[in-house]
PDB file of N, CA and C in Angstrom:
ATOM      1  N   UNK A   1     101.852 104.446 119.198  1.00  0.00           N
ATOM      2  CA  UNK A   1     101.564 105.371 118.416  1.00  0.00           C
ATOM      3  C   UNK A   1     101.425 106.593 119.001  1.00  0.00           C
ATOM      4  N   UNK A   2     102.301 107.335 118.762  1.00  0.00           N
ATOM      5  CA  UNK A   2     101.570 108.866 119.665  1.00  0.00           C
ATOM      6  C   UNK A   2     100.815 110.328 118.596  1.00  0.00           C
ATOM      7  N   UNK A   3     100.598 109.277 117.199  1.00  0.00           N
ATOM      8  CA  UNK A   3      99.507 110.354 116.549  1.00  0.00           C
ATOM      9  C   UNK A   3      98.712 109.766 116.761  1.00  0.00           C
ATOM     10  N   UNK A   4      98.125 108.396 116.991  1.00  0.00           N
ATOM     11  CA  UNK A   4      96.765 107.997 117.200  1.00  0.00           C
ATOM     12  C   UNK A   4      96.497 108.387 118.688  1.00  0.00           C
ATOM     13  N   UNK A   5      95.816 109.233 118.618  1.00  0.00           N
ATOM     14  CA  UNK A   5      95.671 110.122 120.422  1.00  0.00           C
ATOM     15  C   UNK A   5      94.440 110.607 120.361  1.00  0.00           C
ATOM     16  N   UNK A   6      93.516 110.358 119.429  1.00  0.00           N
ATOM     17  CA  UNK A   6      92.281 110.701 119.017  1.00  0.00           C
ATOM     18  C   UNK A   6      90.948 110.230 120.587  1.00  0.00           C
ATOM     19  N   UNK A   7      90.475 111.202 120.487  1.00  0.00           N
ATOM     20  CA  UNK A   7      89.222 110.231 121.886  1.00  0.00           C
ATOM     21  C   UNK A   7      88.789 109.857 121.755  1.00  0.00           C
ATOM     22  N   UNK A   8      89.165 108.318 123.131  1.00  0.00           N
ATOM     23  CA  UNK A   8      89.021 107.465 123.320  1.00  0.00           C
ATOM     24  C   UNK A   8      89.588 106.006 122.720  1.00  0.00           C
ATOM     25  N   UNK A   9      90.888 106.750 122.103  1.00  0.00           N
ATOM     26  CA  UNK A   9      92.069 105.356 121.558  1.00  0.00           C
ATOM     27  C   UNK A   9      92.586 105.120 122.580  1.00  0.00           C
ATOM     28  N   UNK A  10      92.952 106.024 123.080  1.00  0.00           N
ATOM     29  CA  UNK A  10      94.184 105.689 124.475  1.00  0.00           C
ATOM     30  C   UNK A  10      94.309 103.949 124.892  1.00  0.00           C
ATOM     31  N   UNK A  11      92.895 103.599 125.427  1.00  0.00           N
ATOM     32  CA  UNK A  11      92.845 102.155 126.038  1.00  0.00           C
ATOM     33  C   UNK A  11      93.495 100.961 125.070  1.00  0.00           C
ATOM     34  N   UNK A  12      93.132 101.311 123.132  1.00  0.00           N
ATOM     35  CA  UNK A  12      93.319 100.412 122.627  1.00  0.00           C
ATOM     36  C   UNK A  12      94.832  99.892 122.577  1.00  0.00           C
ATOM     37  N   UNK A  13      94.797  98.643 122.619  1.00  0.00           N
ATOM     38  CA  UNK A  13      96.013  98.477 122.568  1.00  0.00           C
ATOM     39  C   UNK A  13      96.328  96.808 121.170  1.00  0.00           C
ATOM     40  N   UNK A  14      97.752  96.613 121.146  1.00  0.00           N
ATOM     41  CA  UNK A  14      97.596  95.792 119.983  1.00  0.00           C
ATOM     42  C   UNK A  14      96.278  94.572 120.010  1.00  0.00           C
ATOM     43  N   UNK A  15      96.448  93.912 121.122  1.00  0.00           N
ATOM     44  CA  UNK A  15      95.627  93.040 121.335  1.00  0.00           C
ATOM     45  C   UNK A  15      94.663  93.297 120.609  1.00  0.00           C
ATOM     46  N   UNK A  16      94.075  94.645 121.304  1.00  0.00           N
ATOM     47  CA  UNK A  16      92.541  94.650 120.535  1.00  0.00           C
ATOM     48  C   UNK A  16      92.464  94.771 118.992  1.00  0.00           C
ATOM     49  N   UNK A  17      93.227  95.438 118.406  1.00  0.00           N
ATOM     50  CA  UNK A  17      93.587  95.407 116.711  1.00  0.00           C
ATOM     51  C   UNK A  17      93.992  93.960 116.418  1.00  0.00           C
ATOM     52  N   UNK A  18      94.348  93.432 116.800  1.00  0.00           N
ATOM     53  CA  UNK A  18      94.315  91.731 116.007  1.00  0.00           C
ATOM     54  C   UNK A  18      93.149  91.619 116.416  1.00  0.00           C
ATOM     55  N   UNK A  19      92.271  91.312 117.449  1.00  0.00           N
ATOM     56  CA  UNK A  19      91.301  90.568 117.571  1.00  0.00           C
ATOM     57  C   UNK A  19      89.987  91.463 117.406  1.00  0.00           C
ATOM     58  N   UNK A  20      89.870  92.379 116.873  1.00  0.00           N
ATOM     59  CA  UNK A  20      88.817  93.593 116.416  1.00  0.00           C
ATOM     60  C   UNK A  20      88.123  93.633 116.732  1.00  0.00           C
ATOM     61  N   UNK A  21      88.698  93.901 118.145  1.00  0.00           N
ATOM     62  CA  UNK A  21      88.012  94.820 119.401  1.00  0.00           C
ATOM     63  C   UNK A  21      88.242  96.222 119.487  1.00  0.00           C
ATOM     64  N   UNK A  22      88.960  96.348 118.762  1.00  0.00           N
ATOM     65  CA  UNK A  22      88.876  97.795 119.223  1.00  0.00           C
ATOM     66  C   UNK A  22      88.174  99.191 119.271  1.00  0.00           C
ATOM     67  N   UNK A  23      87.149  98.567 118.873  1.00  0.00           N
ATOM     68  CA  UNK A  23      86.060  99.417 118.641  1.00  0.00           C
ATOM     69  C   UNK A  23      85.650 100.777 117.419  1.00  0.00           C
ATOM     70  N   UNK A  24      86.451 100.609 116.866  1.00  0.00           N
ATOM     71  CA  UNK A  24      87.207 101.038 115.346  1.00  0.00           C
ATOM     72  C   UNK A  24      85.751 101.107 114.605  1.00  0.00           C
ATOM     73  N   UNK A  25      85.378 101.652 113.402  1.00  0.00           N
ATOM     74  CA  UNK A  25      84.168 101.191 112.861  1.00  0.00           C
ATOM     75  C   UNK A  25      85.373 100.180 111.388  1.00  0.00           C
ATOM     76  N   UNK A  26      84.127  99.787 110.907  1.00  0.00           N
ATOM     77  CA  UNK A  26      84.840  98.823 110.184  1.00  0.00           C
ATOM     78  C   UNK A  26      85.785  99.176 109.306  1.00  0.00           C
ATOM     79  N   UNK A  27      85.210 100.497 108.229  1.00  0.00           N
ATOM     80  CA  UNK A  27      86.042 101.459 107.591  1.00  0.00           C
ATOM     81  C   UNK A  27      85.890 102.835 107.105  1.00  0.00           C
ATOM     82  N   UNK A  28      86.437 103.165 106.510  1.00  0.00           N
ATOM     83  CA  UNK A  28      86.621 104.671 105.934  1.00  0.00           C
ATOM     84  C   UNK A  28      86.987 104.924 104.508  1.00  0.00           C
ATOM     85  N   UNK A  29      86.412 105.877 104.190  1.00  0.00           N
ATOM     86  CA  UNK A  29      86.522 106.439 102.654  1.00  0.00           C
ATOM     87  C   UNK A  29      87.771 106.451 101.996  1.00  0.00           C
ATOM     88  N   UNK A  30      88.222 105.561 102.645  1.00  0.00           N
ATOM     89  CA  UNK A  30      90.262 105.829 101.885  1.00  0.00           C
ATOM     90  C   UNK A  30      90.271 106.204 100.834  1.00  0.00           C
ATOM     91  N   UNK A  31      89.210 105.102  99.881  1.00  0.00           N
ATOM     92  CA  UNK A  31      90.061 105.717  98.119  1.00  0.00           C
ATOM     93  C   UNK A  31      89.649 107.522  98.117  1.00  0.00           C
ATOM     94  N   UNK A  32      88.987 108.095  98.980  1.00  0.00           N
ATOM     95  CA  UNK A  32      88.599 108.945  98.217  1.00  0.00           C
ATOM     96  C   UNK A  32      89.797 110.239  98.496  1.00  0.00           C
ATOM     97  N   UNK A  33      90.609 109.279  99.827  1.00  0.00           N
ATOM     98  CA  UNK A  33      91.599 110.379  99.842  1.00  0.00           C
ATOM     99  C   UNK A  33      92.930 110.829  98.983  1.00  0.00           C
ATOM    100  N   UNK A  34      93.514 112.047  98.474  1.00  0.00           N
ATOM    101  CA  UNK A  34      93.831 112.228  97.685  1.00  0.00           C
ATOM    102  C   UNK A  34      95.448 111.364  97.082  1.00  0.00           C
ATOM    103  N   UNK A  35      96.133 110.986  99.009  1.00  0.00           N
ATOM    104  CA  UNK A  35      97.096 110.438  98.498  1.00  0.00           C
ATOM    105  C   UNK A  35      97.432 109.297  99.829  1.00  0.00           C
ATOM    106  N   UNK A  36      98.148 108.051  99.920  1.00  0.00           N
ATOM    107  CA  UNK A  36      98.172 107.494 101.053  1.00  0.00           C
ATOM    108  C   UNK A  36      98.384 108.491 102.186  1.00  0.00           C
ATOM    109  N   UNK A  37      99.117 109.898 102.293  1.00  0.00           N
ATOM    110  CA  UNK A  37      99.501 110.438 103.639  1.00  0.00           C
ATOM    111  C   UNK A  37      98.170 110.861 104.450  1.00  0.00           C
ATOM    112  N   UNK A  38      97.316 111.315 103.568  1.00  0.00           N
ATOM    113  CA  UNK A  38      95.702 111.348 103.627  1.00  0.00           C
ATOM    114  C   UNK A  38      95.354 110.561 104.389  1.00  0.00           C
ATOM    115  N   UNK A  39      95.095 109.431 103.429  1.00  0.00           N
ATOM    116  CA  UNK A  39      94.442 108.417 104.083  1.00  0.00           C
ATOM    117  C   UNK A  39      94.707 107.844 105.112  1.00  0.00           C
ATOM    118  N   UNK A  40      96.508 107.842 105.706  1.00  0.00           N
ATOM    119  CA  UNK A  40      97.011 107.602 106.851  1.00  0.00           C
ATOM    120  C   UNK A  40      96.253 108.615 108.044  1.00  0.00           C
ATOM    121  N   UNK A  41      96.031 109.639 107.300  1.00  0.00           N
ATOM    122  CA  UNK A  41      95.651 111.210 108.535  1.00  0.00           C
ATOM    123  C   UNK A  41      94.355 110.671 108.778  1.00  0.00           C
ATOM    124  N   UNK A  42      93.266 109.871 108.185  1.00  0.00           N
ATOM    125  CA  UNK A  42      92.466 109.777 108.098  1.00  0.00           C
ATOM    126  C   UNK A  42      92.223 108.304 109.615  1.00  0.00           C
ATOM    127  N   UNK A  43      92.975 107.492 109.000  1.00  0.00           N
ATOM    128  CA  UNK A  43      92.627 106.682 110.229  1.00  0.00           C
ATOM    129  C   UNK A  43      93.588 106.956 111.248  1.00  0.00           C
ATOM    130  N   UNK A  44      94.510 107.528 111.725  1.00  0.00           N
ATOM    131  CA  UNK A  44      95.223 107.974 112.665  1.00  0.00           C
ATOM    132  C   UNK A  44      93.823 108.700 113.703  1.00  0.00           C
ATOM    133  N   UNK A  45      93.381 109.468 112.940  1.00  0.00           N
ATOM    134  CA  UNK A  45      92.261 110.656 113.343  1.00  0.00           C
ATOM    135  C   UNK A  45      90.549 110.183 113.437  1.00  0.00           C
ATOM    136  N   UNK A  46      90.756 108.898 113.639  1.00  0.00           N
ATOM    137  CA  UNK A  46      89.716 108.666 114.095  1.00  0.00           C
ATOM    138  C   UNK A  46      89.425 107.808 115.207  1.00  0.00           C
ATOM    139  N   UNK A  47      87.919 108.180 115.469  1.00  0.00           N
ATOM    140  CA  UNK A  47      87.495 107.824 116.729  1.00  0.00           C
ATOM    141  C   UNK A  47      86.390 106.567 117.482  1.00  0.00           C
ATOM    142  N   UNK A  48      87.113 105.775 117.911  1.00  0.00           N
ATOM    143  CA  UNK A  48      86.352 104.547 118.464  1.00  0.00           C
ATOM    144  C   UNK A  48      84.572 104.697 118.488  1.00  0.00           C
ATOM    145  N   UNK A  49      83.647 103.833 117.919  1.00  0.00           N
ATOM    146  CA  UNK A  49      82.433 104.171 118.151  1.00  0.00           C
ATOM    147  C   UNK A  49      81.743 102.944 118.445  1.00  0.00           C
ATOM    148  N   UNK A  50      82.213 102.273 119.332  1.00  0.00           N
ATOM    149  CA  UNK A  50      82.030 101.549 120.202  1.00  0.00           C
ATOM    150  C   UNK A  50      83.000 101.086 121.664  1.00  0.00           C
ATOM    151  N   UNK A  51      82.587 101.124 122.631  1.00  0.00           N
ATOM    152  CA  UNK A  51      83.220 100.877 123.717  1.00  0.00           C
ATOM    153  C   UNK A  51      84.435 100.161 123.687  1.00  0.00           C
ATOM    154  N   UNK A  52      85.923 100.210 123.852  1.00  0.00           N
ATOM    155  CA  UNK A  52      87.080  99.462 122.991  1.00  0.00           C
ATOM    156  C   UNK A  52      86.469  97.894 123.845  1.00  0.00           C
ATOM    157  N   UNK A  53      86.615  96.679 123.202  1.00  0.00           N
ATOM    158  CA  UNK A  53      86.829  95.554 123.942  1.00  0.00           C
ATOM    159  C   UNK A  53      85.406  94.949 124.238  1.00  0.00           C
ATOM    160  N   UNK A  54      84.064  95.333 123.572  1.00  0.00           N
ATOM    161  CA  UNK A  54      82.593  95.589 124.204  1.00  0.00           C
ATOM    162  C   UNK A  54      82.458  94.321 122.736  1.00  0.00           C
ATOM    163  N   UNK A  55      83.003  94.809 121.857  1.00  0.00           N
ATOM    164  CA  UNK A  55      82.719  93.864 120.488  1.00  0.00           C
ATOM    165  C   UNK A  55      83.375  93.502 119.811  1.00  0.00           C
ATOM    166  N   UNK A  56      83.261  92.695 118.388  1.00  0.00           N
ATOM    167  CA  UNK A  56      83.937  91.895 117.294  1.00  0.00           C
ATOM    168  C   UNK A  56      83.456  92.736 116.113  1.00  0.00           C
ATOM    169  N   UNK A  57      84.420  93.499 115.749  1.00  0.00           N
ATOM    170  CA  UNK A  57      83.640  94.416 114.303  1.00  0.00           C
ATOM    171  C   UNK A  57      85.105  94.198 113.139  1.00  0.00           C
ATOM    172  N   UNK A  58      85.135  93.510 112.344  1.00  0.00           N
ATOM    173  CA  UNK A  58      86.134  93.403 111.260  1.00  0.00           C
ATOM    174  C   UNK A  58      86.268  94.712 110.856  1.00  0.00           C
ATOM    175  N   UNK A  59      87.893  95.268 111.056  1.00  0.00           N
ATOM    176  CA  UNK A  59      87.846  96.533 110.649  1.00  0.00           C
ATOM    177  C   UNK A  59      89.381  96.906 110.059  1.00  0.00           C
ATOM    178  N   UNK A  60      89.196  96.964 109.000  1.00  0.00           N
ATOM    179  CA  UNK A  60      90.525  97.761 108.208  1.00  0.00           C
ATOM    180  C   UNK A  60      91.234  98.598 108.262  1.00  0.00           C
ATOM    181  N   UNK A  61      90.677  99.081 109.415  1.00  0.00           N
ATOM    182  CA  UNK A  61      91.376 100.141 110.360  1.00  0.00           C
ATOM    183  C   UNK A  61      92.497  99.444 111.077  1.00  0.00           C
ATOM    184  N   UNK A  62      92.072  98.481 111.460  1.00  0.00           N
ATOM    185  CA  UNK A  62      93.109  97.761 113.119  1.00  0.00           C
ATOM    186  C   UNK A  62      94.448  97.373 112.300  1.00  0.00           C
ATOM    187  N   UNK A  63      93.914  96.767 110.297  1.00  0.00           N
ATOM    188  CA  UNK A  63      95.154  96.460 109.481  1.00  0.00           C
ATOM    189  C   UNK A  63      96.396  97.716 109.454  1.00  0.00           C
ATOM    190  N   UNK A  64      95.283  98.576 109.432  1.00  0.00           N
ATOM    191  CA  UNK A  64      96.710  99.593 108.611  1.00  0.00           C
ATOM    192  C   UNK A  64      96.784 100.305 110.190  1.00  0.00           C
ATOM    193  N   UNK A  65      96.275  99.859 111.753  1.00  0.00           N
ATOM    194  CA  UNK A  65      96.968 100.862 112.341  1.00  0.00           C
ATOM    195  C   UNK A  65      98.149  99.684 112.996  1.00  0.00           C
ATOM    196  N   UNK A  66      98.080  98.444 112.766  1.00  0.00           N
ATOM    197  CA  UNK A  66      98.846  97.564 113.206  1.00  0.00           C
ATOM    198  C   UNK A  66     100.106  97.819 112.256  1.00  0.00           C
ATOM    199  N   UNK A  67      99.791  97.947 110.928  1.00  0.00           N
ATOM    200  CA  UNK A  67     101.359  98.138 109.490  1.00  0.00           C
ATOM    201  C   UNK A  67     101.725  99.379 110.087  1.00  0.00           C
ATOM    202  N   UNK A  68     101.731 100.310 110.583  1.00  0.00           N
ATOM    203  CA  UNK A  68     101.869 101.355 111.178  1.00  0.00           C
ATOM    204  C   UNK A  68     102.529 101.296 112.369  1.00  0.00           C
ATOM    205  N   UNK A  69     102.466 100.669 112.979  1.00  0.00           N
ATOM    206  CA  UNK A  69     103.040 100.243 114.235  1.00  0.00           C
ATOM    207  C   UNK A  69     104.106  99.931 114.248  1.00  0.00           C
ATOM    208  N   UNK A  70     104.001  98.754 112.834  1.00  0.00           N
ATOM    209  CA  UNK A  70     105.039  98.595 112.877  1.00  0.00           C
ATOM    210  C   UNK A  70     106.084  98.469 111.936  1.00  0.00           C
ATOM    211  N   UNK A  71     105.863  99.359 111.332  1.00  0.00           N
ATOM    212  CA  UNK A  71     106.577 100.404 110.642  1.00  0.00           C
ATOM    213  C   UNK A  71     107.408 101.898 111.258  1.00  0.00           C
ATOM    214  N   UNK A  72     106.821 102.010 112.293  1.00  0.00           N
ATOM    215  CA  UNK A  72     107.269 102.989 113.527  1.00  0.00           C
ATOM    216  C   UNK A  72     108.254 102.484 114.839  1.00  0.00           C
ATOM    217  N   UNK A  73     107.989 100.886 114.630  1.00  0.00           N
ATOM    218  CA  UNK A  73     108.955 100.882 115.658  1.00  0.00           C
ATOM    219  C   UNK A  73     110.076 100.631 115.487  1.00  0.00           C
ATOM    220  N   UNK A  74     111.270 100.260 116.476  1.00  0.00           N
ATOM    221  CA  UNK A  74     112.528 100.400 115.997  1.00  0.00           C
ATOM    222  C   UNK A  74     113.327  99.794 115.413  1.00  0.00           C
ATOM    223  N   UNK A  75     112.907  98.226 115.233  1.00  0.00           N
ATOM    224  CA  UNK A  75     114.103  97.361 114.443  1.00  0.00           C
ATOM    225  C   UNK A  75     112.799  96.086 114.352  1.00  0.00           C
ATOM    226  N   UNK A  76     111.719  96.398 113.471  1.00  0.00           N
ATOM    227  CA  UNK A  76     111.046  95.257 113.106  1.00  0.00           C
ATOM    228  C   UNK A  76     111.927  94.607 112.552  1.00  0.00           C
ATOM    229  N   UNK A  77     111.413  92.781 112.629  1.00  0.00           N
ATOM    230  CA  UNK A  77     112.004  91.943 111.628  1.00  0.00           C
ATOM    231  C   UNK A  77     112.223  91.847 110.306  1.00  0.00           C
ATOM    232  N   UNK A  78     112.762  92.327 109.353  1.00  0.00           N
ATOM    233  CA  UNK A  78     112.582  91.933 107.831  1.00  0.00           C
ATOM    234  C   UNK A  78     111.424  91.496 107.699  1.00  0.00           C
ATOM    235  N   UNK A  79     111.261  90.368 107.575  1.00  0.00           N
ATOM    236  CA  UNK A  79     110.258  89.404 107.166  1.00  0.00           C
ATOM    237  C   UNK A  79     108.710  89.960 107.403  1.00  0.00           C
ATOM    238  N   UNK A  80     108.873  90.306 108.480  1.00  0.00           N
ATOM    239  CA  UNK A  80     107.014  90.869 108.326  1.00  0.00           C
ATOM    240  C   UNK A  80     107.117  92.196 108.163  1.00  0.00           C
ATOM    241  N   UNK A  81     108.251  93.233 107.816  1.00  0.00           N
ATOM    242  CA  UNK A  81     107.959  94.529 107.442  1.00  0.00           C
ATOM    243  C   UNK A  81     107.872  94.491 105.790  1.00  0.00           C
ATOM    244  N   UNK A  82     108.051  93.132 105.365  1.00  0.00           N
ATOM    245  CA  UNK A  82     108.278  92.719 103.731  1.00  0.00           C
ATOM    246  C   UNK A  82     107.054  92.812 103.643  1.00  0.00           C
ATOM    247  N   UNK A  83     106.273  91.777 104.843  1.00  0.00           N
ATOM    248  CA  UNK A  83     104.772  91.469 104.296  1.00  0.00           C
ATOM    249  C   UNK A  83     104.066  92.871 104.795  1.00  0.00           C
ATOM    250  N   UNK A  84     104.287  93.060 105.390  1.00  0.00           N
ATOM    251  CA  UNK A  84     103.306  94.512 105.962  1.00  0.00           C
ATOM    252  C   UNK A  84     103.164  95.743 105.193  1.00  0.00           C
ATOM    253  N   UNK A  85     104.624  96.112 104.338  1.00  0.00           N
ATOM    254  CA  UNK A  85     105.076  96.933 103.322  1.00  0.00           C
ATOM    255  C   UNK A  85     103.838  96.675 102.299  1.00  0.00           C
ATOM    256  N   UNK A  86     103.822  95.258 101.614  1.00  0.00           N
ATOM    257  CA  UNK A  86     103.145  94.751 100.714  1.00  0.00           C
ATOM    258  C   UNK A  86     101.759  95.405 100.971  1.00  0.00           C
ATOM    259  N   UNK A  87     101.021  94.499 102.479  1.00  0.00           N
ATOM    260  CA  UNK A  87      99.307  95.333 102.774  1.00  0.00           C
ATOM    261  C   UNK A  87      99.238  96.850 102.176  1.00  0.00           C
ATOM    262  N   UNK A  88     100.294  97.566 103.298  1.00  0.00           N
ATOM    263  CA  UNK A  88     100.326  98.757 103.265  1.00  0.00           C
ATOM    264  C   UNK A  88     100.329  99.320 102.110  1.00  0.00           C
ATOM    265  N   UNK A  89     101.025  99.043 101.057  1.00  0.00           N
ATOM    266  CA  UNK A  89     100.307  99.437  99.623  1.00  0.00           C
ATOM    267  C   UNK A  89      99.427  99.055  98.983  1.00  0.00           C
ATOM    268  N   UNK A  90      99.275  97.729  99.137  1.00  0.00           N
ATOM    269  CA  UNK A  90      97.740  97.557  98.604  1.00  0.00           C
ATOM    270  C   UNK A  90      96.699  98.185  99.220  1.00  0.00           C
ATOM    271  N   UNK A  91      96.274  98.638 100.293  1.00  0.00           N
ATOM    272  CA  UNK A  91      95.594  99.424 101.091  1.00  0.00           C
ATOM    273  C   UNK A  91      95.632 100.878 100.425  1.00  0.00           C
ATOM    274  N   UNK A  92      96.610 101.250 100.944  1.00  0.00           N
ATOM    275  CA  UNK A  92      96.579 102.832 100.691  1.00  0.00           C
ATOM    276  C   UNK A  92      96.863 103.726  99.379  1.00  0.00           C
ATOM    277  N   UNK A  93      97.170 102.710  98.593  1.00  0.00           N
ATOM    278  CA  UNK A  93      98.303 103.102  97.229  1.00  0.00           C
ATOM    279  C   UNK A  93      97.282 102.498  96.321  1.00  0.00           C
TER     280      UNK A  93
END
């Protein structure tokens, strides 16, 4: 995901996102964002607060990044896309 390129994010993998070892903070004030695009930009520009892989912290940002990865992949399976669309809408809208 090229747009997720803040300092310290390069080593983060899908595995880190799935296992909550990305080093990202638990949450951001996404409800304060005026719209979904702004909220997504907040997520895409966040930086890790811990070294990647060093600890497990449940992070909503991981789910949002995984969803965005699925949305931007060439051909996600329809069932996965339907599920993640619902999750994405519930989190950001």
